[in-house]
Amino acid sequence: MPNTWITNIQHFLKEDGDIAPIDGPARNIAEYFSDIISCATSSGTDDHNKCKCRRRPGRKKCKGTIEAYIDPSNHEIVWQCPICFENGRISQWEGTRWDKKKSNR
């Protein structure tokens, strides 16, 4: 069964915008979400703009690539892996250091 993540990225950040001093799985998931923000807000379709799925269904690495877009109604990043269907929404990402749209303005 896939996971659904409803995430406010600010919950993982310090006041200065860095990822909070957390270790282990919490750090890994914070970095995963920051990668998704970066990929979703990057312009172009180069391979370096694609995020690999992190799930390991049946203890085997998922071969999916995250598909993401910005929902125009609420500005959340909506994402999903088309292989294992892990999915989620990320809010409060605008203006973070992973927001590539701010450098495209």
C-alpha atoms as a PDB file:
ATOM      1  CA  MET A   1       0.000   0.000   0.000  1.00  0.00           C
ATOM      2  CA  PRO A   2       1.487   3.378  -0.983  1.00  0.00           C
ATOM      3  CA  ASN A   3       2.043   6.238   1.426  1.00  0.00           C
ATOM      4  CA  THR A   4       0.297   9.579   1.136  1.00  0.00           C
ATOM      5  CA  TRP A   5       2.234  12.506   2.583  1.00  0.00           C
ATOM      6  CA  ILE A   6       0.553  15.810   3.453  1.00  0.00           C
ATOM      7  CA  THR A   7       3.491  18.027   4.278  1.00  0.00           C
ATOM      8  CA  ASN A   8       4.140  21.588   5.374  1.00  0.00           C
ATOM      9  CA  ILE A   9       7.856  21.837   4.567  1.00  0.00           C
ATOM     10  CA  GLN A  10       8.264  24.574   7.196  1.00  0.00           C
ATOM     11  CA  HIS A  11       7.877  21.901   9.894  1.00  0.00           C
ATOM     12  CA  PHE A  12      11.256  20.498   8.822  1.00  0.00           C
ATOM     13  CA  LEU A  13      13.115  23.820   8.679  1.00  0.00           C
ATOM     14  CA  LYS A  14      14.991  26.053  11.066  1.00  0.00           C
ATOM     15  CA  GLU A  15      14.312  29.773  11.128  1.00  0.00           C
ATOM     16  CA  ASP A  16      17.190  30.407   8.687  1.00  0.00           C
ATOM     17  CA  GLY A  17      15.660  28.003   6.125  1.00  0.00           C
ATOM     18  CA  ASP A  18      18.054  25.090   6.574  1.00  0.00           C
ATOM     19  CA  ILE A  19      16.741  21.631   7.352  1.00  0.00           C
ATOM     20  CA  ALA A  20      16.455  21.332  11.125  1.00  0.00           C
ATOM     21  CA  PRO A  21      19.124  19.328  12.962  1.00  0.00           C
ATOM     22  CA  ILE A  22      17.367  15.978  12.740  1.00  0.00           C
ATOM     23  CA  ASP A  23      18.920  12.593  12.007  1.00  0.00           C
ATOM     24  CA  GLY A  24      17.913   9.276  10.541  1.00  0.00           C
ATOM     25  CA  PRO A  25      14.598   8.703   8.771  1.00  0.00           C
ATOM     26  CA  ALA A  26      13.249  12.185   9.575  1.00  0.00           C
ATOM     27  CA  ARG A  27      16.287  13.806   7.923  1.00  0.00           C
ATOM     28  CA  ASN A  28      15.977  11.512   4.920  1.00  0.00           C
ATOM     29  CA  ILE A  29      12.312  12.358   4.367  1.00  0.00           C
ATOM     30  CA  ALA A  30      13.003  16.108   4.768  1.00  0.00           C
ATOM     31  CA  GLU A  31      15.703  15.850   2.088  1.00  0.00           C
ATOM     32  CA  TYR A  32      13.338  13.831  -0.135  1.00  0.00           C
ATOM     33  CA  PHE A  33      10.648  16.523   0.125  1.00  0.00           C
ATOM     34  CA  SER A  34      13.200  19.249  -0.591  1.00  0.00           C
ATOM     35  CA  ASP A  35      14.290  17.332  -3.718  1.00  0.00           C
ATOM     36  CA  ILE A  36      10.660  17.123  -4.849  1.00  0.00           C
ATOM     37  CA  ILE A  37      10.280  20.899  -4.379  1.00  0.00           C
ATOM     38  CA  SER A  38      13.404  21.475  -6.435  1.00  0.00           C
ATOM     39  CA  CYS A  39      12.242  19.149  -9.210  1.00  0.00           C
ATOM     40  CA  ALA A  40       8.686  20.494  -9.284  1.00  0.00           C
ATOM     41  CA  THR A  41       9.815  24.109  -9.534  1.00  0.00           C
ATOM     42  CA  SER A  42      12.671  23.657 -12.021  1.00  0.00           C
ATOM     43  CA  SER A  43      12.108  24.710 -15.589  1.00  0.00           C
ATOM     44  CA  GLY A  44      12.956  22.327 -18.390  1.00  0.00           C
ATOM     45  CA  THR A  45      12.745  18.576 -18.689  1.00  0.00           C
ATOM     46  CA  ASP A  46      16.367  17.526 -18.266  1.00  0.00           C
ATOM     47  CA  ASP A  47      17.121  14.299 -16.427  1.00  0.00           C
ATOM     48  CA  HIS A  48      18.747  16.283 -13.597  1.00  0.00           C
ATOM     49  CA  ASN A  49      15.298  17.777 -12.872  1.00  0.00           C
ATOM     50  CA  LYS A  50      13.796  14.356 -12.152  1.00  0.00           C
ATOM     51  CA  CYS A  51      13.461  12.853  -8.676  1.00  0.00           C
ATOM     52  CA  LYS A  52      13.772   9.156  -8.107  1.00  0.00           C
ATOM     53  CA  CYS A  53      11.182   7.499  -5.917  1.00  0.00           C
ATOM     54  CA  ARG A  54      12.470   6.509  -2.480  1.00  0.00           C
ATOM     55  CA  ARG A  55      10.077   3.638  -1.705  1.00  0.00           C
ATOM     56  CA  ARG A  56      11.165   0.053  -1.427  1.00  0.00           C
ATOM     57  CA  PRO A  57       8.029  -2.052  -1.964  1.00  0.00           C
ATOM     58  CA  GLY A  58       8.801  -5.684  -1.179  1.00  0.00           C
ATOM     59  CA  ARG A  59      12.290  -4.471  -0.126  1.00  0.00           C
ATOM     60  CA  LYS A  60      13.148  -3.746  -3.748  1.00  0.00           C
ATOM     61  CA  LYS A  61      13.977  -0.225  -4.869  1.00  0.00           C
ATOM     62  CA  CYS A  62      11.133   1.373  -6.798  1.00  0.00           C
ATOM     63  CA  LYS A  63      12.270   2.341 -10.290  1.00  0.00           C
ATOM     64  CA  GLY A  64       9.758   5.183 -10.581  1.00  0.00           C
ATOM     65  CA  THR A  65      10.403   8.854 -11.142  1.00  0.00           C
ATOM     66  CA  ILE A  66       8.291  11.364  -9.247  1.00  0.00           C
ATOM     67  CA  GLU A  67       5.784  13.356 -11.278  1.00  0.00           C
ATOM     68  CA  ALA A  68       4.919  16.713  -9.714  1.00  0.00           C
ATOM     69  CA  TYR A  69       3.066  19.901 -10.484  1.00  0.00           C
ATOM     70  CA  ILE A  70       1.973  23.061  -8.693  1.00  0.00           C
ATOM     71  CA  ASP A  71      -1.768  23.125  -8.021  1.00  0.00           C
ATOM     72  CA  PRO A  72      -2.884  26.592  -9.227  1.00  0.00           C
ATOM     73  CA  SER A  73      -5.803  26.716  -6.788  1.00  0.00           C
ATOM     74  CA  ASN A  74      -3.708  26.555  -3.595  1.00  0.00           C
ATOM     75  CA  HIS A  75      -0.053  26.603  -4.778  1.00  0.00           C
ATOM     76  CA  GLU A  76       0.704  23.226  -3.188  1.00  0.00           C
ATOM     77  CA  ILE A  77       3.069  20.848  -4.923  1.00  0.00           C
ATOM     78  CA  VAL A  78       1.167  17.677  -5.803  1.00  0.00           C
ATOM     79  CA  TRP A  79       3.343  14.659  -6.512  1.00  0.00           C
ATOM     80  CA  GLN A  80       3.119  10.934  -7.232  1.00  0.00           C
ATOM     81  CA  CYS A  81       5.230   7.994  -8.316  1.00  0.00           C
ATOM     82  CA  PRO A  82       3.554   6.337 -11.316  1.00  0.00           C
ATOM     83  CA  ILE A  83       5.039   2.946 -10.411  1.00  0.00           C
ATOM     84  CA  CYS A  84       4.342   2.441  -6.675  1.00  0.00           C
ATOM     85  CA  PHE A  85       1.808   5.302  -6.316  1.00  0.00           C
ATOM     86  CA  GLU A  86       3.451   6.910  -3.280  1.00  0.00           C
ATOM     87  CA  ASN A  87       2.073  10.447  -3.378  1.00  0.00           C
ATOM     88  CA  GLY A  88       1.532  13.644  -1.506  1.00  0.00           C
ATOM     89  CA  ARG A  89       1.161  17.388  -1.281  1.00  0.00           C
ATOM     90  CA  ILE A  90       3.741  19.898  -0.071  1.00  0.00           C
ATOM     91  CA  SER A  91       2.682  23.317   1.196  1.00  0.00           C
ATOM     92  CA  GLN A  92       4.614  26.400   2.354  1.00  0.00           C
ATOM     93  CA  TRP A  93       7.458  25.650  -0.090  1.00  0.00           C
ATOM     94  CA  GLU A  94       7.459  29.047  -1.823  1.00  0.00           C
ATOM     95  CA  GLY A  95      10.564  31.066  -1.055  1.00  0.00           C
ATOM     96  CA  THR A  96      12.526  28.115   0.384  1.00  0.00           C
ATOM     97  CA  ARG A  97      16.036  27.520  -0.879  1.00  0.00           C
ATOM     98  CA  TRP A  98      14.676  24.651  -3.026  1.00  0.00           C
ATOM     99  CA  ASP A  99      12.155  26.884  -4.788  1.00  0.00           C
ATOM    100  CA  LYS A 100      13.673  27.173  -8.287  1.00  0.00           C
ATOM    101  CA  LYS A 101      10.788  29.343  -9.499  1.00  0.00           C
ATOM    102  CA  LYS A 102      12.090  32.277  -7.458  1.00  0.00           C
ATOM    103  CA  SER A 103      15.275  32.282  -9.557  1.00  0.00           C
ATOM    104  CA  ASN A 104      13.194  32.048 -12.768  1.00  0.00           C
ATOM    105  CA  ARG A 105      11.247  35.249 -11.994  1.00  0.00           C
END
